[in-house]
Amino acid sequence: MKNFFFASLLILISLQTSQAQILKCGDHPYRQHLIEKYPGIEDHMHAPNDKNASRSNDVYRIPVVVHVVYNTTEENVSDAIVRSQIDILNKDFRRQNADASKTRDVFKGVAGDAMIEFYLADTDPNGSPTTGITRKKTNKKSFIEFDILLLFQASVACGVDFNDPASIEENMECIQAFFEANGSSFEDILWN
């Protein structure tokens, strides 16, 4: 699990920094996948500016569970704060937020109401009632306690090829040794 997280982190970083043959948008291949998997779906796919596209007025409501992970009492946010953040999220998705009028010109033609709302789940996967908020006290003070520059230095020193995911796994021991040699705990970059 730890190696998977680290490999995923390095792949994400490599996709952000690499200039070699990166697919700029995954929309086309994904659309093709959907068309192959669900014949006829293309009749329901419309470009954002397709004036002839029919649109349902149904608002899709999605139940969510908010996991509050805290170290100190101050970090254990109240239910009211969680609910207020869900309200803000819904205003953003429905384009009812106070700053919607400040949308940049380049996006005004495609900005709109996503017809999606989130709400705190009232039933868990087993059918039992829930508030939609879980709380977990932890001794961990942060989940991001590492030096990104050190990570890049380790990757370069160990010969990681960001275009080859197997290269990350192959060089894992070298990267770990590099961190330790530089007085940093390799465990700091992994979620326990």
N, C-alpha and C. Protein backbone atom coordinates (compact mmCIF):
# COMPACT_ATOMS: atom_id res chain seq x y z
N MET A 1 0.83 -1.19 0.00
CA MET A 1 0.00 0.00 0.00
C MET A 1 0.87 1.25 0.00
N LYS A 2 1.93 1.21 0.81
CA LYS A 2 2.81 2.38 0.87
C LYS A 2 3.50 2.59 -0.47
N ASN A 3 3.96 1.51 -1.10
CA ASN A 3 4.62 1.64 -2.40
C ASN A 3 3.63 2.12 -3.45
N PHE A 4 2.39 1.67 -3.36
CA PHE A 4 1.38 2.11 -4.30
C PHE A 4 1.16 3.61 -4.18
N PHE A 5 1.05 4.12 -2.94
CA PHE A 5 0.84 5.56 -2.74
C PHE A 5 2.02 6.34 -3.29
N PHE A 6 3.22 5.91 -2.99
CA PHE A 6 4.40 6.62 -3.44
C PHE A 6 4.50 6.58 -4.96
N ALA A 7 4.23 5.42 -5.54
CA ALA A 7 4.27 5.29 -7.00
C ALA A 7 3.22 6.20 -7.63
N SER A 8 2.03 6.25 -7.04
CA SER A 8 0.98 7.11 -7.56
C SER A 8 1.38 8.57 -7.47
N LEU A 9 2.02 8.95 -6.36
CA LEU A 9 2.48 10.32 -6.18
C LEU A 9 3.50 10.68 -7.25
N LEU A 10 4.46 9.79 -7.48
CA LEU A 10 5.48 10.06 -8.48
C LEU A 10 4.89 10.12 -9.89
N ILE A 11 3.94 9.26 -10.17
CA ILE A 11 3.31 9.29 -11.49
C ILE A 11 2.56 10.61 -11.67
N LEU A 12 1.84 11.04 -10.64
CA LEU A 12 1.12 12.30 -10.70
C LEU A 12 2.09 13.46 -10.93
N ILE A 13 3.19 13.46 -10.21
CA ILE A 13 4.18 14.51 -10.38
C ILE A 13 4.76 14.46 -11.79
N SER A 14 5.03 13.26 -12.27
CA SER A 14 5.62 13.14 -13.60
C SER A 14 4.66 13.62 -14.68
N LEU A 15 3.38 13.36 -14.51
CA LEU A 15 2.42 13.82 -15.50
C LEU A 15 2.33 15.34 -15.51
N GLN A 16 2.58 15.96 -14.35
CA GLN A 16 2.52 17.41 -14.28
C GLN A 16 3.78 18.05 -14.85
N THR A 17 4.92 17.34 -14.80
CA THR A 17 6.18 17.96 -15.18
C THR A 17 6.74 17.48 -16.50
N SER A 18 6.35 16.29 -16.93
CA SER A 18 6.93 15.73 -18.15
C SER A 18 6.38 16.43 -19.38
N GLN A 19 7.23 16.59 -20.39
CA GLN A 19 6.80 17.21 -21.64
C GLN A 19 6.59 16.17 -22.73
N ALA A 20 6.84 14.91 -22.46
CA ALA A 20 6.84 13.88 -23.50
C ALA A 20 5.47 13.24 -23.66
N GLN A 21 4.92 13.33 -24.83
CA GLN A 21 3.72 12.62 -25.27
C GLN A 21 2.66 12.44 -24.19
N ILE A 22 2.19 13.53 -23.64
CA ILE A 22 1.13 13.47 -22.64
C ILE A 22 -0.18 13.83 -23.32
N LEU A 23 -1.18 12.99 -23.14
CA LEU A 23 -2.49 13.25 -23.68
C LEU A 23 -3.05 14.49 -22.98
N LYS A 24 -3.37 15.51 -23.73
CA LYS A 24 -3.82 16.77 -23.15
C LYS A 24 -5.20 16.65 -22.52
N CYS A 25 -6.06 15.83 -23.09
CA CYS A 25 -7.40 15.70 -22.56
C CYS A 25 -7.85 14.25 -22.75
N GLY A 26 -8.40 13.67 -21.72
CA GLY A 26 -8.84 12.28 -21.81
C GLY A 26 -10.28 12.15 -22.27
N ASP A 27 -10.89 13.27 -22.69
CA ASP A 27 -12.29 13.23 -23.07
C ASP A 27 -12.56 12.32 -24.25
N HIS A 28 -11.80 12.45 -25.32
CA HIS A 28 -12.08 11.66 -26.53
C HIS A 28 -11.96 10.15 -26.29
N PRO A 29 -10.84 9.67 -25.72
CA PRO A 29 -10.76 8.22 -25.47
C PRO A 29 -11.86 7.73 -24.53
N TYR A 30 -12.24 8.55 -23.54
CA TYR A 30 -13.27 8.13 -22.61
C TYR A 30 -14.63 8.08 -23.31
N ARG A 31 -14.90 9.05 -24.16
CA ARG A 31 -16.15 9.03 -24.92
C ARG A 31 -16.21 7.78 -25.79
N GLN A 32 -15.09 7.44 -26.43
CA GLN A 32 -15.05 6.24 -27.27
C GLN A 32 -15.32 4.99 -26.43
N HIS A 33 -14.75 4.94 -25.25
CA HIS A 33 -14.97 3.81 -24.34
C HIS A 33 -16.46 3.70 -23.99
N LEU A 34 -17.09 4.82 -23.68
CA LEU A 34 -18.51 4.80 -23.33
C LEU A 34 -19.37 4.36 -24.51
N ILE A 35 -19.03 4.84 -25.70
CA ILE A 35 -19.80 4.48 -26.90
C ILE A 35 -19.70 2.98 -27.17
N GLU A 36 -18.51 2.42 -26.97
CA GLU A 36 -18.33 0.98 -27.18
C GLU A 36 -19.05 0.17 -26.11
N LYS A 37 -19.00 0.64 -24.89
CA LYS A 37 -19.58 -0.10 -23.77
C LYS A 37 -21.11 0.03 -23.73
N TYR A 38 -21.62 1.21 -24.11
CA TYR A 38 -23.06 1.47 -24.05
C TYR A 38 -23.56 1.95 -25.42
N PRO A 39 -23.83 1.02 -26.33
CA PRO A 39 -24.31 1.42 -27.66
C PRO A 39 -25.54 2.31 -27.52
N GLY A 40 -25.57 3.38 -28.32
CA GLY A 40 -26.69 4.32 -28.29
C GLY A 40 -26.47 5.50 -27.37
N ILE A 41 -25.45 5.45 -26.54
CA ILE A 41 -25.23 6.55 -25.61
C ILE A 41 -24.87 7.84 -26.33
N GLU A 42 -24.29 7.70 -27.54
CA GLU A 42 -23.88 8.91 -28.27
C GLU A 42 -25.08 9.81 -28.58
N ASP A 43 -26.30 9.24 -28.59
CA ASP A 43 -27.49 10.05 -28.81
C ASP A 43 -27.74 11.01 -27.65
N HIS A 44 -27.13 10.73 -26.51
CA HIS A 44 -27.33 11.56 -25.32
C HIS A 44 -26.12 12.42 -25.00
N MET A 45 -25.09 12.32 -25.83
CA MET A 45 -23.88 13.11 -25.62
C MET A 45 -23.97 14.36 -26.50
N HIS A 46 -23.86 15.50 -25.89
CA HIS A 46 -23.95 16.75 -26.65
C HIS A 46 -22.78 17.64 -26.29
N ALA A 47 -22.34 18.37 -27.26
CA ALA A 47 -21.29 19.37 -27.00
C ALA A 47 -21.89 20.46 -26.12
N PRO A 48 -21.05 21.12 -25.30
CA PRO A 48 -21.58 22.15 -24.39
C PRO A 48 -22.36 23.26 -25.11
N ASN A 49 -22.02 23.56 -26.35
CA ASN A 49 -22.67 24.65 -27.06
C ASN A 49 -23.74 24.16 -28.04
N ASP A 50 -24.12 22.89 -27.94
CA ASP A 50 -25.14 22.34 -28.83
C ASP A 50 -26.50 22.90 -28.42
N LYS A 51 -27.01 23.84 -29.21
CA LYS A 51 -28.27 24.53 -28.87
C LYS A 51 -29.48 23.59 -29.00
N ASN A 52 -29.32 22.50 -29.76
CA ASN A 52 -30.43 21.57 -29.95
C ASN A 52 -30.48 20.49 -28.88
N ALA A 53 -29.51 20.47 -28.01
CA ALA A 53 -29.46 19.43 -26.98
C ALA A 53 -30.58 19.65 -25.98
N SER A 54 -31.30 18.57 -25.68
CA SER A 54 -32.33 18.69 -24.66
C SER A 54 -31.69 18.46 -23.30
N ARG A 55 -32.21 19.13 -22.31
CA ARG A 55 -31.62 19.04 -20.99
C ARG A 55 -32.72 18.75 -19.98
N SER A 56 -32.43 17.80 -19.15
CA SER A 56 -33.38 17.46 -18.09
C SER A 56 -33.31 18.53 -17.01
N ASN A 57 -34.43 18.77 -16.37
CA ASN A 57 -34.46 19.70 -15.25
C ASN A 57 -34.30 18.98 -13.92
N ASP A 58 -33.98 17.68 -13.99
CA ASP A 58 -33.79 16.91 -12.77
C ASP A 58 -32.48 17.31 -12.10
N VAL A 59 -32.54 17.50 -10.81
CA VAL A 59 -31.33 17.77 -10.03
C VAL A 59 -30.90 16.44 -9.42
N TYR A 60 -29.67 16.06 -9.71
CA TYR A 60 -29.14 14.81 -9.18
C TYR A 60 -28.61 15.06 -7.78
N ARG A 61 -29.11 14.32 -6.82
CA ARG A 61 -28.69 14.47 -5.42
C ARG A 61 -27.79 13.30 -5.06
N ILE A 62 -26.61 13.63 -4.56
CA ILE A 62 -25.60 12.62 -4.28
C ILE A 62 -25.30 12.61 -2.78
N PRO A 63 -25.53 11.45 -2.12
CA PRO A 63 -25.21 11.37 -0.70
C PRO A 63 -23.70 11.29 -0.50
N VAL A 64 -23.20 12.01 0.50
CA VAL A 64 -21.77 12.00 0.80
C VAL A 64 -21.55 11.77 2.28
N VAL A 65 -20.37 11.25 2.59
CA VAL A 65 -19.94 11.11 3.98
C VAL A 65 -18.69 11.96 4.14
N VAL A 66 -18.69 12.82 5.13
CA VAL A 66 -17.53 13.66 5.42
C VAL A 66 -16.78 13.01 6.57
N HIS A 67 -15.49 12.76 6.35
CA HIS A 67 -14.64 12.16 7.37
C HIS A 67 -13.79 13.25 7.99
N VAL A 68 -14.02 13.55 9.24
CA VAL A 68 -13.24 14.55 9.96
C VAL A 68 -12.13 13.81 10.68
N VAL A 69 -10.89 14.06 10.27
CA VAL A 69 -9.72 13.46 10.90
C VAL A 69 -9.01 14.59 11.62
N TYR A 70 -8.86 14.45 12.92
CA TYR A 70 -8.30 15.56 13.70
C TYR A 70 -7.26 15.08 14.69
N ASN A 71 -6.36 16.01 15.03
CA ASN A 71 -5.32 15.75 16.02
C ASN A 71 -5.63 16.50 17.31
N THR A 72 -6.07 17.75 17.18
CA THR A 72 -6.39 18.58 18.36
C THR A 72 -7.88 18.86 18.39
N THR A 73 -8.37 19.27 19.53
CA THR A 73 -9.79 19.59 19.68
C THR A 73 -10.22 20.67 18.70
N GLU A 74 -9.35 21.65 18.47
CA GLU A 74 -9.67 22.75 17.55
C GLU A 74 -9.88 22.25 16.13
N GLU A 75 -9.20 21.19 15.75
CA GLU A 75 -9.31 20.64 14.40
C GLU A 75 -10.58 19.82 14.20
N ASN A 76 -11.22 19.44 15.28
CA ASN A 76 -12.45 18.64 15.21
C ASN A 76 -13.62 19.58 14.91
N VAL A 77 -13.80 19.92 13.65
CA VAL A 77 -14.78 20.92 13.26
C VAL A 77 -16.20 20.47 13.58
N SER A 78 -17.05 21.45 13.82
CA SER A 78 -18.43 21.16 14.21
C SER A 78 -19.26 20.67 13.03
N ASP A 79 -20.39 20.04 13.36
CA ASP A 79 -21.34 19.62 12.33
C ASP A 79 -21.81 20.82 11.52
N ALA A 80 -21.98 21.96 12.18
CA ALA A 80 -22.45 23.18 11.50
C ALA A 80 -21.45 23.61 10.42
N ILE A 81 -20.16 23.51 10.71
CA ILE A 81 -19.15 23.88 9.71
C ILE A 81 -19.20 22.91 8.54
N VAL A 82 -19.33 21.63 8.82
CA VAL A 82 -19.43 20.63 7.75
C VAL A 82 -20.63 20.94 6.87
N ARG A 83 -21.78 21.19 7.48
CA ARG A 83 -22.99 21.49 6.72
C ARG A 83 -22.82 22.76 5.89
N SER A 84 -22.16 23.77 6.46
CA SER A 84 -21.97 25.02 5.71
C SER A 84 -21.08 24.79 4.49
N GLN A 85 -20.11 23.90 4.60
CA GLN A 85 -19.25 23.61 3.46
C GLN A 85 -20.00 22.84 2.37
N ILE A 86 -20.90 21.97 2.78
CA ILE A 86 -21.76 21.28 1.80
C ILE A 86 -22.64 22.31 1.09
N ASP A 87 -23.17 23.28 1.83
CA ASP A 87 -23.99 24.34 1.22
C ASP A 87 -23.18 25.14 0.20
N ILE A 88 -21.94 25.48 0.54
CA ILE A 88 -21.08 26.23 -0.38
C ILE A 88 -20.78 25.40 -1.62
N LEU A 89 -20.49 24.12 -1.42
CA LEU A 89 -20.23 23.22 -2.55
C LEU A 89 -21.44 23.17 -3.47
N ASN A 90 -22.64 23.07 -2.90
CA ASN A 90 -23.86 23.02 -3.71
C ASN A 90 -24.08 24.31 -4.47
N LYS A 91 -23.81 25.44 -3.84
CA LYS A 91 -23.95 26.72 -4.54
C LYS A 91 -22.98 26.80 -5.72
N ASP A 92 -21.77 26.29 -5.53
CA ASP A 92 -20.79 26.29 -6.62
C ASP A 92 -21.26 25.39 -7.76
N PHE A 93 -21.72 24.19 -7.45
CA PHE A 93 -22.16 23.26 -8.50
C PHE A 93 -23.42 23.74 -9.20
N ARG A 94 -24.27 24.45 -8.49
CA ARG A 94 -25.51 24.95 -9.08
C ARG A 94 -25.33 26.36 -9.66
N ARG A 95 -24.13 26.87 -9.58
CA ARG A 95 -23.79 28.22 -10.07
C ARG A 95 -24.66 29.29 -9.42
N GLN A 96 -24.85 29.12 -8.13
CA GLN A 96 -25.61 30.08 -7.35
C GLN A 96 -24.71 30.80 -6.35
N ASN A 97 -23.40 30.62 -6.53
CA ASN A 97 -22.45 31.25 -5.63
C ASN A 97 -22.41 32.76 -5.87
N ALA A 98 -22.07 33.49 -4.82
CA ALA A 98 -22.10 34.96 -4.87
C ALA A 98 -21.19 35.53 -5.95
N ASP A 99 -20.09 34.85 -6.26
CA ASP A 99 -19.15 35.40 -7.25
C ASP A 99 -19.34 34.83 -8.65
N ALA A 100 -20.48 34.21 -8.93
CA ALA A 100 -20.75 33.65 -10.26
C ALA A 100 -20.67 34.74 -11.33
N SER A 101 -21.02 35.95 -10.98
CA SER A 101 -20.99 37.05 -11.95
C SER A 101 -19.56 37.43 -12.34
N LYS A 102 -18.58 36.95 -11.60
CA LYS A 102 -17.17 37.27 -11.88
C LYS A 102 -16.51 36.22 -12.78
N THR A 103 -17.32 35.35 -13.38
CA THR A 103 -16.77 34.32 -14.27
C THR A 103 -16.00 35.00 -15.40
N ARG A 104 -14.80 34.50 -15.66
CA ARG A 104 -13.98 35.06 -16.74
C ARG A 104 -14.69 34.88 -18.07
N ASP A 105 -14.51 35.84 -18.95
CA ASP A 105 -15.20 35.84 -20.25
C ASP A 105 -15.00 34.54 -21.02
N VAL A 106 -13.80 33.98 -20.95
CA VAL A 106 -13.50 32.77 -21.71
C VAL A 106 -14.39 31.59 -21.29
N PHE A 107 -14.91 31.62 -20.07
CA PHE A 107 -15.73 30.52 -19.56
C PHE A 107 -17.22 30.82 -19.55
N LYS A 108 -17.61 32.05 -19.80
CA LYS A 108 -19.02 32.42 -19.69
C LYS A 108 -19.92 31.61 -20.62
N GLY A 109 -19.42 31.24 -21.78
CA GLY A 109 -20.24 30.47 -22.72
C GLY A 109 -20.53 29.05 -22.28
N VAL A 110 -19.73 28.53 -21.37
CA VAL A 110 -19.93 27.13 -20.94
C VAL A 110 -20.27 27.01 -19.46
N ALA A 111 -20.19 28.10 -18.73
CA ALA A 111 -20.50 28.04 -17.29
C ALA A 111 -22.00 27.88 -17.12
N GLY A 112 -22.38 27.04 -16.17
CA GLY A 112 -23.80 26.84 -15.95
C GLY A 112 -24.08 25.97 -14.74
N ASP A 113 -25.33 25.74 -14.51
CA ASP A 113 -25.81 24.92 -13.41
C ASP A 113 -25.56 23.45 -13.75
N ALA A 114 -24.78 22.75 -12.92
CA ALA A 114 -24.48 21.34 -13.16
C ALA A 114 -25.65 20.44 -12.79
N MET A 115 -26.66 21.00 -12.14
CA MET A 115 -27.85 20.23 -11.73
C MET A 115 -27.46 19.07 -10.81
N ILE A 116 -26.45 19.32 -9.98
CA ILE A 116 -25.97 18.32 -9.02
C ILE A 116 -25.96 18.97 -7.64
N GLU A 117 -26.45 18.24 -6.67
CA GLU A 117 -26.38 18.67 -5.27
C GLU A 117 -25.90 17.51 -4.42
N PHE A 118 -25.17 17.86 -3.39
CA PHE A 118 -24.67 16.87 -2.44
C PHE A 118 -25.41 17.05 -1.12
N TYR A 119 -25.60 15.94 -0.43
CA TYR A 119 -26.21 16.01 0.89
C TYR A 119 -25.57 14.97 1.78
N LEU A 120 -25.57 15.24 3.08
CA LEU A 120 -24.99 14.29 4.03
C LEU A 120 -25.84 13.02 4.03
N ALA A 121 -25.18 11.90 3.83
CA ALA A 121 -25.87 10.62 3.78
C ALA A 121 -26.64 10.40 5.08
N ASP A 122 -27.82 9.82 4.95
CA ASP A 122 -28.60 9.52 6.15
C ASP A 122 -28.69 8.02 6.42
N THR A 123 -28.12 7.24 5.49
CA THR A 123 -28.10 5.78 5.63
C THR A 123 -26.73 5.27 5.24
N ASP A 124 -26.16 4.38 6.05
CA ASP A 124 -24.84 3.82 5.71
C ASP A 124 -25.02 2.63 4.76
N PRO A 125 -23.93 2.06 4.24
CA PRO A 125 -24.05 0.95 3.28
C PRO A 125 -24.81 -0.26 3.81
N ASN A 126 -24.90 -0.40 5.13
CA ASN A 126 -25.63 -1.52 5.72
C ASN A 126 -27.09 -1.19 5.97
N GLY A 127 -27.52 0.03 5.60
CA GLY A 127 -28.91 0.42 5.81
C GLY A 127 -29.17 1.04 7.17
N SER A 128 -28.15 1.22 7.97
CA SER A 128 -28.32 1.83 9.29
C SER A 128 -28.30 3.35 9.18
N PRO A 129 -28.99 4.02 10.08
CA PRO A 129 -29.00 5.50 10.05
C PRO A 129 -27.60 6.06 10.35
N THR A 130 -27.30 7.19 9.73
CA THR A 130 -26.02 7.86 9.96
C THR A 130 -26.23 9.37 9.83
N THR A 131 -25.33 10.13 10.40
CA THR A 131 -25.38 11.59 10.26
C THR A 131 -24.66 12.04 8.99
N GLY A 132 -23.88 11.13 8.39
CA GLY A 132 -23.09 11.49 7.23
C GLY A 132 -21.75 12.12 7.60
N ILE A 133 -21.46 12.12 8.90
CA ILE A 133 -20.18 12.68 9.37
C ILE A 133 -19.53 11.65 10.28
N THR A 134 -18.28 11.29 9.96
CA THR A 134 -17.53 10.41 10.85
C THR A 134 -16.37 11.21 11.43
N ARG A 135 -15.92 10.82 12.58
CA ARG A 135 -14.82 11.53 13.25
C ARG A 135 -13.78 10.52 13.70
N LYS A 136 -12.52 10.88 13.50
CA LYS A 136 -11.42 10.00 13.89
C LYS A 136 -10.29 10.86 14.44
N LYS A 137 -9.96 10.63 15.70
CA LYS A 137 -8.82 11.31 16.33
C LYS A 137 -7.55 10.55 15.92
N THR A 138 -6.52 11.30 15.63
CA THR A 138 -5.25 10.69 15.23
C THR A 138 -4.11 11.39 15.95
N ASN A 139 -3.01 10.68 16.08
CA ASN A 139 -1.80 11.29 16.64
C ASN A 139 -0.98 11.99 15.57
N LYS A 140 -1.32 11.74 14.32
CA LYS A 140 -0.60 12.34 13.20
C LYS A 140 -0.92 13.83 13.14
N LYS A 141 0.10 14.66 13.02
CA LYS A 141 -0.11 16.10 13.01
C LYS A 141 -0.34 16.64 11.61
N SER A 142 0.06 15.91 10.61
CA SER A 142 -0.13 16.33 9.23
C SER A 142 -0.05 15.10 8.34
N PHE A 143 -0.70 15.19 7.20
CA PHE A 143 -0.61 14.10 6.24
C PHE A 143 0.35 14.44 5.10
N ILE A 144 0.86 15.64 5.13
CA ILE A 144 1.84 16.04 4.12
C ILE A 144 3.03 16.63 4.86
N GLU A 145 3.97 15.78 5.21
CA GLU A 145 5.14 16.22 5.96
C GLU A 145 6.41 15.83 5.23
N PHE A 146 6.57 16.25 4.00
CA PHE A 146 7.78 15.90 3.29
C PHE A 146 8.24 17.06 2.42
N ASP A 147 9.48 17.00 2.07
CA ASP A 147 10.12 18.03 1.27
C ASP A 147 10.04 17.61 -0.20
N ILE A 148 9.23 18.32 -0.98
CA ILE A 148 9.04 17.95 -2.38
C ILE A 148 10.34 18.04 -3.16
N LEU A 149 11.19 19.01 -2.82
CA LEU A 149 12.47 19.14 -3.50
C LEU A 149 13.32 17.90 -3.26
N LEU A 150 13.31 17.39 -2.03
CA LEU A 150 14.06 16.18 -1.70
C LEU A 150 13.53 14.99 -2.51
N LEU A 151 12.25 14.94 -2.71
CA LEU A 151 11.65 13.87 -3.51
C LEU A 151 12.16 13.94 -4.95
N PHE A 152 12.20 15.13 -5.52
CA PHE A 152 12.72 15.27 -6.88
C PHE A 152 14.21 14.92 -6.93
N GLN A 153 14.98 15.37 -5.95
CA GLN A 153 16.41 15.06 -5.93
C GLN A 153 16.63 13.55 -5.85
N ALA A 154 15.85 12.88 -5.00
CA ALA A 154 15.96 11.43 -4.87
C ALA A 154 15.61 10.75 -6.18
N SER A 155 14.57 11.22 -6.84
CA SER A 155 14.14 10.62 -8.10
C SER A 155 15.21 10.75 -9.17
N VAL A 156 15.83 11.92 -9.25
CA VAL A 156 16.88 12.14 -10.24
C VAL A 156 18.11 11.30 -9.89
N ALA A 157 18.53 11.34 -8.62
CA ALA A 157 19.71 10.59 -8.18
C ALA A 157 19.55 9.09 -8.40
N CYS A 158 18.33 8.60 -8.29
CA CYS A 158 18.08 7.17 -8.42
C CYS A 158 17.74 6.76 -9.85
N GLY A 159 17.68 7.72 -10.75
CA GLY A 159 17.43 7.41 -12.15
C GLY A 159 16.00 7.05 -12.48
N VAL A 160 15.05 7.63 -11.77
CA VAL A 160 13.65 7.35 -12.04
C VAL A 160 13.26 7.95 -13.39
N ASP A 161 12.66 7.11 -14.23
CA ASP A 161 12.14 7.55 -15.51
C ASP A 161 10.64 7.78 -15.31
N PHE A 162 10.24 9.05 -15.26
CA PHE A 162 8.84 9.37 -14.99
C PHE A 162 7.89 8.90 -16.08
N ASN A 163 8.40 8.56 -17.24
CA ASN A 163 7.55 8.04 -18.31
C ASN A 163 7.36 6.53 -18.21
N ASP A 164 7.99 5.91 -17.21
CA ASP A 164 7.90 4.46 -17.04
C ASP A 164 7.53 4.15 -15.59
N PRO A 165 6.25 3.86 -15.32
CA PRO A 165 5.82 3.58 -13.95
C PRO A 165 6.62 2.46 -13.28
N ALA A 166 7.09 1.48 -14.06
CA ALA A 166 7.87 0.39 -13.47
C ALA A 166 9.18 0.91 -12.91
N SER A 167 9.69 1.98 -13.47
CA SER A 167 10.94 2.57 -13.01
C SER A 167 10.83 3.07 -11.57
N ILE A 168 9.67 3.56 -11.22
CA ILE A 168 9.46 4.05 -9.85
C ILE A 168 9.58 2.89 -8.87
N GLU A 169 8.88 1.81 -9.17
CA GLU A 169 8.93 0.63 -8.29
C GLU A 169 10.33 0.05 -8.22
N GLU A 170 11.02 0.00 -9.35
CA GLU A 170 12.38 -0.55 -9.39
C GLU A 170 13.36 0.26 -8.55
N ASN A 171 13.12 1.54 -8.40
CA ASN A 171 14.04 2.43 -7.70
C ASN A 171 13.59 2.79 -6.29
N MET A 172 12.58 2.11 -5.78
CA MET A 172 12.01 2.44 -4.48
C MET A 172 13.04 2.36 -3.35
N GLU A 173 13.85 1.33 -3.33
CA GLU A 173 14.86 1.19 -2.26
C GLU A 173 15.88 2.31 -2.32
N CYS A 174 16.28 2.68 -3.53
CA CYS A 174 17.24 3.77 -3.71
C CYS A 174 16.65 5.09 -3.19
N ILE A 175 15.38 5.34 -3.52
CA ILE A 175 14.73 6.57 -3.08
C ILE A 175 14.64 6.60 -1.55
N GLN A 176 14.29 5.48 -0.97
CA GLN A 176 14.19 5.40 0.49
C GLN A 176 15.56 5.66 1.12
N ALA A 177 16.60 5.06 0.57
CA ALA A 177 17.95 5.27 1.10
C ALA A 177 18.38 6.73 0.95
N PHE A 178 18.00 7.37 -0.17
CA PHE A 178 18.33 8.77 -0.40
C PHE A 178 17.70 9.64 0.68
N PHE A 179 16.43 9.38 1.00
CA PHE A 179 15.75 10.15 2.05
C PHE A 179 16.47 9.99 3.37
N GLU A 180 16.78 8.75 3.73
CA GLU A 180 17.44 8.49 5.01
C GLU A 180 18.82 9.11 5.07
N ALA A 181 19.57 9.07 3.95
CA ALA A 181 20.90 9.67 3.91
C ALA A 181 20.85 11.18 4.07
N ASN A 182 19.71 11.79 3.75
CA ASN A 182 19.56 13.23 3.86
C ASN A 182 18.80 13.64 5.12
N GLY A 183 18.74 12.72 6.09
CA GLY A 183 18.17 13.04 7.39
C GLY A 183 16.66 13.20 7.42
N SER A 184 15.99 12.65 6.43
CA SER A 184 14.54 12.75 6.39
C SER A 184 13.96 11.34 6.43
N SER A 185 12.84 11.21 7.08
CA SER A 185 12.20 9.91 7.16
C SER A 185 11.38 9.66 5.90
N PHE A 186 11.67 8.57 5.25
CA PHE A 186 10.91 8.17 4.07
C PHE A 186 9.45 7.95 4.44
N GLU A 187 9.19 7.54 5.67
CA GLU A 187 7.82 7.28 6.13
C GLU A 187 6.99 8.54 6.16
N ASP A 188 7.64 9.72 6.20
CA ASP A 188 6.89 10.98 6.26
C ASP A 188 6.04 11.21 5.02
N ILE A 189 6.43 10.61 3.89
CA ILE A 189 5.66 10.86 2.68
C ILE A 189 4.57 9.82 2.47
N LEU A 190 4.47 8.88 3.37
CA LEU A 190 3.46 7.82 3.23
C LEU A 190 2.38 7.97 4.28
N TRP A 191 1.16 7.73 3.91
CA TRP A 191 0.05 7.78 4.86
C TRP A 191 0.02 6.48 5.63
N ASN A 192 0.04 6.57 6.91
CA ASN A 192 -0.01 5.38 7.75
C ASN A 192 -1.43 5.02 8.09
